[in-house]
Amino acid sequence: MSVVQLAPKPNPVAADSIVTATAVTRRYGDGDTAVDALRGVTLEIEQGRMTAIMGPSGSGKSTLMRILAGLDRPTSGRVVLDGVEITQLDDKKLTLLRRERIGFVFQFFNLLPTLTAEENVLLPLSIAGDKVDREWVDDLLDTIGIDGRRKHRPSELSGGQQQRVAVARALVSKPAVLFADEPTGNLDAATGAGIIDLMIQLNRDLGTTLVLVTHDLDLAGRARRTIRLADGRIVSDTAA
């Protein structure tokens, strides 16, 4: 079976930008029933920083994250991630890029109930057929704070522990960017605060580039940059 290569394309943006979107639009439907979720969004995400994307329901923030992460395609515009223009990739190459360079954390964890915490973390490597770097995995589980729970199944873990497993799973492949969609949205305030502290630690200690879609004002307030959307457009872009 031939190996699909991801050849980087020239990136016209600053060297410290890991993700760039240029004039991105996203329209759902046609004619009078069409909905414009994004209306010409242009932005750059700096490497190694923690960026929060906020906005009311229907503002387009989750749509933007899905397009930046290669989970959806824009109607028009372009997205460059880690030197690769992902809007020009076919489905096979896009799947490979997501597997190698992108991590995802979602609100509802999405853990497999029959697997242990450690098996859930290692799942991306198993699917890709990649060799496990045992030292990295052990350090990751220790950093995430679930080393003592690695043999437990999701039903035996609290919500915060399950989210920590989801974060570790997203990081095990050492992605260029970690995207998180409402990572504290399904947790109580105290547990959510622990996940916020974890995100801050990952950004500080591992240099992980984080892009967070959130309604959590505390989480957004601790990010180094907050982008606010309304009606599919960026209405503010503030650096902490």
Protein backbone atom coordinates (compact mmCIF):
# COMPACT_ATOMS: atom_id res chain seq x y z
CA MET A 1 0.00 0.00 0.00
CA SER A 2 1.46 3.37 -0.99
CA VAL A 3 2.13 5.98 1.68
CA VAL A 4 0.42 9.33 1.22
CA GLN A 5 2.91 12.20 1.63
CA LEU A 6 1.87 15.62 2.87
CA ALA A 7 4.11 18.07 1.03
CA PRO A 8 4.14 21.50 2.69
CA LYS A 9 3.08 24.38 0.49
CA PRO A 10 4.56 27.87 0.74
CA ASN A 11 3.08 29.70 3.70
CA PRO A 12 2.89 33.46 3.11
CA VAL A 13 2.13 34.30 6.74
CA ALA A 14 4.49 35.00 9.62
CA ALA A 15 6.70 32.11 10.72
CA ASP A 16 5.16 32.02 14.18
CA SER A 17 1.64 31.41 12.83
CA ILE A 18 0.65 27.75 13.07
CA VAL A 19 -2.89 28.19 11.64
CA THR A 20 -4.04 30.84 9.18
CA ALA A 21 -7.51 31.42 7.75
CA THR A 22 -8.00 33.81 4.85
CA ALA A 23 -11.44 35.13 3.82
CA VAL A 24 -13.17 31.96 5.03
CA THR A 25 -16.90 31.62 4.45
CA ARG A 26 -19.28 28.76 5.21
CA ARG A 27 -22.79 28.58 3.79
CA TYR A 28 -25.29 25.84 4.60
CA GLY A 29 -28.15 25.27 2.17
CA ASP A 30 -29.15 27.16 -0.96
CA GLY A 31 -31.46 29.94 -2.03
CA ASP A 32 -33.79 31.60 0.44
CA THR A 33 -33.08 28.97 3.11
CA ALA A 34 -29.29 29.40 3.00
CA VAL A 35 -27.52 30.16 6.27
CA ASP A 36 -24.16 31.94 6.31
CA ALA A 37 -22.33 30.60 9.37
CA LEU A 38 -19.07 32.40 8.51
CA ARG A 39 -18.75 35.60 6.49
CA GLY A 40 -15.19 36.21 5.37
CA VAL A 41 -13.16 35.38 8.50
CA THR A 42 -9.43 36.10 8.36
CA LEU A 43 -7.13 35.33 11.30
CA GLU A 44 -3.78 33.89 12.36
CA ILE A 45 -3.18 31.59 15.36
CA GLU A 46 0.27 32.02 16.89
CA GLN A 47 2.35 28.93 17.59
CA GLY A 48 2.65 27.95 21.24
CA ARG A 49 -0.14 30.24 22.45
CA MET A 50 -3.52 29.66 24.02
CA THR A 51 -6.33 31.30 22.04
CA ALA A 52 -9.99 31.36 23.07
CA ILE A 53 -12.82 31.78 20.57
CA MET A 54 -16.07 33.08 22.07
CA GLY A 55 -19.48 34.22 20.90
CA PRO A 56 -23.19 33.62 21.40
CA SER A 57 -24.94 30.53 20.07
CA GLY A 58 -25.10 30.75 16.29
CA SER A 59 -22.15 33.13 16.04
CA GLY A 60 -20.10 30.63 14.01
CA LYS A 61 -17.43 29.82 16.59
CA SER A 62 -17.82 26.02 16.45
CA THR A 63 -18.03 26.14 12.66
CA LEU A 64 -14.79 28.12 12.59
CA MET A 65 -13.03 25.62 14.82
CA ARG A 66 -14.19 22.69 12.71
CA ILE A 67 -12.87 24.38 9.56
CA LEU A 68 -9.54 25.33 11.17
CA ALA A 69 -9.18 21.72 12.34
CA GLY A 70 -10.06 20.18 8.99
CA LEU A 71 -13.32 18.63 10.21
CA ASP A 72 -15.33 20.71 7.76
CA ARG A 73 -14.52 22.51 4.54
CA PRO A 74 -15.19 26.21 3.88
CA THR A 75 -17.48 27.33 1.09
CA SER A 76 -14.72 29.71 0.05
CA GLY A 77 -11.39 30.92 1.39
CA ARG A 78 -8.29 29.01 2.48
CA VAL A 79 -6.82 27.51 5.64
CA VAL A 80 -3.11 26.76 6.17
CA LEU A 81 -2.17 24.52 9.10
CA ASP A 82 1.45 23.84 9.99
CA GLY A 83 2.59 24.82 6.49
CA VAL A 84 -0.05 22.78 4.62
CA GLU A 85 -3.02 24.34 2.84
CA ILE A 86 -5.66 21.92 4.09
CA THR A 87 -8.45 23.34 1.92
CA GLN A 88 -6.70 21.82 -1.11
CA LEU A 89 -6.27 18.31 0.31
CA ASP A 90 -8.39 15.36 -0.75
CA ASP A 91 -10.17 13.36 1.94
CA LYS A 92 -7.41 10.78 2.30
CA LYS A 93 -4.65 13.32 2.80
CA LEU A 94 -6.84 15.40 5.10
CA THR A 95 -7.51 12.36 7.28
CA LEU A 96 -3.78 11.68 7.47
CA LEU A 97 -3.02 15.28 8.40
CA ARG A 98 -5.63 15.27 11.17
CA ARG A 99 -4.19 12.04 12.53
CA GLU A 100 -0.61 13.35 12.56
CA ARG A 101 -0.87 17.05 13.33
CA ILE A 102 -4.18 17.82 15.05
CA GLY A 103 -5.61 16.89 18.45
CA PHE A 104 -9.29 17.22 19.41
CA VAL A 105 -11.05 17.53 22.75
CA PHE A 106 -14.84 17.66 22.79
CA GLN A 107 -17.45 18.46 25.40
CA PHE A 108 -18.75 14.91 25.79
CA PHE A 109 -15.36 13.10 26.03
CA ASN A 110 -16.15 10.46 23.34
CA LEU A 111 -14.29 7.67 25.15
CA LEU A 112 -14.86 4.03 24.24
CA PRO A 113 -16.57 2.40 27.25
CA THR A 114 -14.99 -1.03 26.79
CA LEU A 115 -11.41 0.30 26.85
CA THR A 116 -9.39 1.33 29.88
CA ALA A 117 -8.18 4.89 30.30
CA GLU A 118 -4.74 3.98 28.96
CA GLU A 119 -6.21 2.06 26.01
CA ASN A 120 -8.38 5.08 25.15
CA VAL A 121 -5.29 7.30 25.26
CA LEU A 122 -3.35 4.94 22.97
CA LEU A 123 -6.24 4.50 20.51
CA PRO A 124 -4.96 7.06 17.93
CA LEU A 125 -1.59 5.29 17.81
CA SER A 126 -3.30 1.90 17.46
CA ILE A 127 -5.43 3.13 14.56
CA ALA A 128 -2.41 4.65 12.82
CA GLY A 129 -0.24 1.59 13.48
CA ASP A 130 2.37 3.80 15.16
CA LYS A 131 4.90 2.58 17.69
CA VAL A 132 4.17 3.61 21.29
CA ASP A 133 6.78 5.86 22.90
CA ARG A 134 6.36 4.42 26.39
CA GLU A 135 8.38 7.14 28.12
CA TRP A 136 6.26 9.86 26.48
CA VAL A 137 3.00 8.09 27.35
CA ASP A 138 4.04 7.62 30.98
CA ASP A 139 5.08 11.27 31.28
CA LEU A 140 1.84 12.37 29.61
CA LEU A 141 -0.38 10.33 31.94
CA ASP A 142 1.53 11.70 34.91
CA THR A 143 1.25 15.30 33.65
CA ILE A 144 -2.47 14.91 32.92
CA GLY A 145 -3.00 13.48 36.40
CA ILE A 146 -4.47 10.07 35.57
CA ASP A 147 -1.43 7.83 36.01
CA GLY A 148 -3.07 6.07 38.95
CA ARG A 149 -6.30 5.48 37.00
CA ARG A 150 -4.88 4.12 33.75
CA LYS A 151 -6.49 0.66 34.18
CA HIS A 152 -9.96 2.04 34.95
CA ARG A 153 -12.75 2.13 32.37
CA PRO A 154 -14.69 5.37 31.70
CA SER A 155 -17.62 4.23 33.88
CA GLU A 156 -15.19 4.06 36.81
CA LEU A 157 -13.92 7.61 36.30
CA SER A 158 -15.38 10.98 37.26
CA GLY A 159 -16.31 13.52 34.59
CA GLY A 160 -13.11 15.46 35.19
CA GLN A 161 -11.00 12.30 34.95
CA GLN A 162 -12.73 11.32 31.70
CA GLN A 163 -11.98 14.74 30.25
CA ARG A 164 -8.34 14.37 31.30
CA VAL A 165 -8.21 11.04 29.47
CA ALA A 166 -9.68 12.79 26.41
CA VAL A 167 -6.99 15.47 26.63
CA ALA A 168 -4.24 12.85 26.91
CA ARG A 169 -5.66 10.98 23.90
CA ALA A 170 -5.58 14.21 21.90
CA LEU A 171 -1.94 14.83 22.83
CA VAL A 172 -0.49 11.33 22.51
CA SER A 173 0.42 11.83 18.84
CA LYS A 174 2.22 15.12 19.68
CA PRO A 175 -0.02 17.25 17.43
CA ALA A 176 0.93 20.68 16.14
CA VAL A 177 -2.34 22.12 17.48
CA LEU A 178 -4.86 21.00 20.10
CA PHE A 179 -8.44 22.11 19.42
CA ALA A 180 -10.98 21.96 22.24
CA ASP A 181 -14.72 22.58 21.81
CA GLU A 182 -16.33 23.55 25.12
CA PRO A 183 -13.91 21.41 27.18
CA THR A 184 -15.53 22.48 30.47
CA GLY A 185 -19.12 22.65 29.21
CA ASN A 186 -20.17 19.26 30.60
CA LEU A 187 -18.46 19.65 33.98
CA ASP A 188 -19.37 21.24 37.28
CA ALA A 189 -17.62 24.47 38.26
CA ALA A 190 -14.96 22.91 40.49
CA THR A 191 -14.09 20.16 38.00
CA GLY A 192 -14.11 22.66 35.14
CA ALA A 193 -11.64 24.81 37.06
CA GLY A 194 -9.30 21.80 37.27
CA ILE A 195 -9.49 21.31 33.50
CA ILE A 196 -8.75 25.02 33.00
CA ASP A 197 -5.66 24.69 35.21
CA LEU A 198 -4.61 21.64 33.17
CA MET A 199 -4.95 23.57 29.88
CA ILE A 200 -2.83 26.40 31.29
CA GLN A 201 -0.20 23.89 32.43
CA LEU A 202 -0.06 22.15 29.04
CA ASN A 203 0.37 25.47 27.28
CA ARG A 204 3.08 26.59 29.71
CA ASP A 205 5.05 23.38 30.25
CA LEU A 206 4.68 21.59 26.92
CA GLY A 207 4.35 24.64 24.67
CA THR A 208 1.16 23.17 23.21
CA THR A 209 -0.74 25.45 20.84
CA LEU A 210 -4.32 25.53 22.11
CA VAL A 211 -7.42 26.78 20.31
CA LEU A 212 -10.45 26.71 22.60
CA VAL A 213 -14.09 27.34 21.74
CA THR A 214 -15.80 28.19 24.98
CA HIS A 215 -18.58 30.01 26.83
CA ASP A 216 -16.47 29.82 30.01
CA LEU A 217 -15.44 33.37 30.90
CA ASP A 218 -12.80 32.13 33.35
CA LEU A 219 -11.18 29.92 30.72
CA ALA A 220 -11.28 32.67 28.09
CA GLY A 221 -9.97 35.21 30.58
CA ARG A 222 -6.86 33.14 31.20
CA ALA A 223 -6.06 32.69 27.51
CA ARG A 224 -3.40 34.89 25.98
CA ARG A 225 -5.82 35.97 23.27
CA THR A 226 -9.61 36.09 22.95
CA ILE A 227 -11.41 36.27 19.61
CA ARG A 228 -15.12 37.09 19.68
CA LEU A 229 -17.50 36.24 16.86
CA ALA A 230 -21.00 37.48 16.10
CA ASP A 231 -23.11 36.66 13.06
CA GLY A 232 -20.21 34.85 11.39
CA ARG A 233 -17.73 37.72 11.70
CA ILE A 234 -14.90 38.62 14.07
CA VAL A 235 -16.07 41.56 16.18
CA SER A 236 -13.11 41.76 18.59
CA ASP A 237 -9.61 40.32 18.92
CA THR A 238 -7.96 41.01 22.27
CA ALA A 239 -4.55 40.00 23.57
CA ALA A 240 -4.19 39.44 27.31
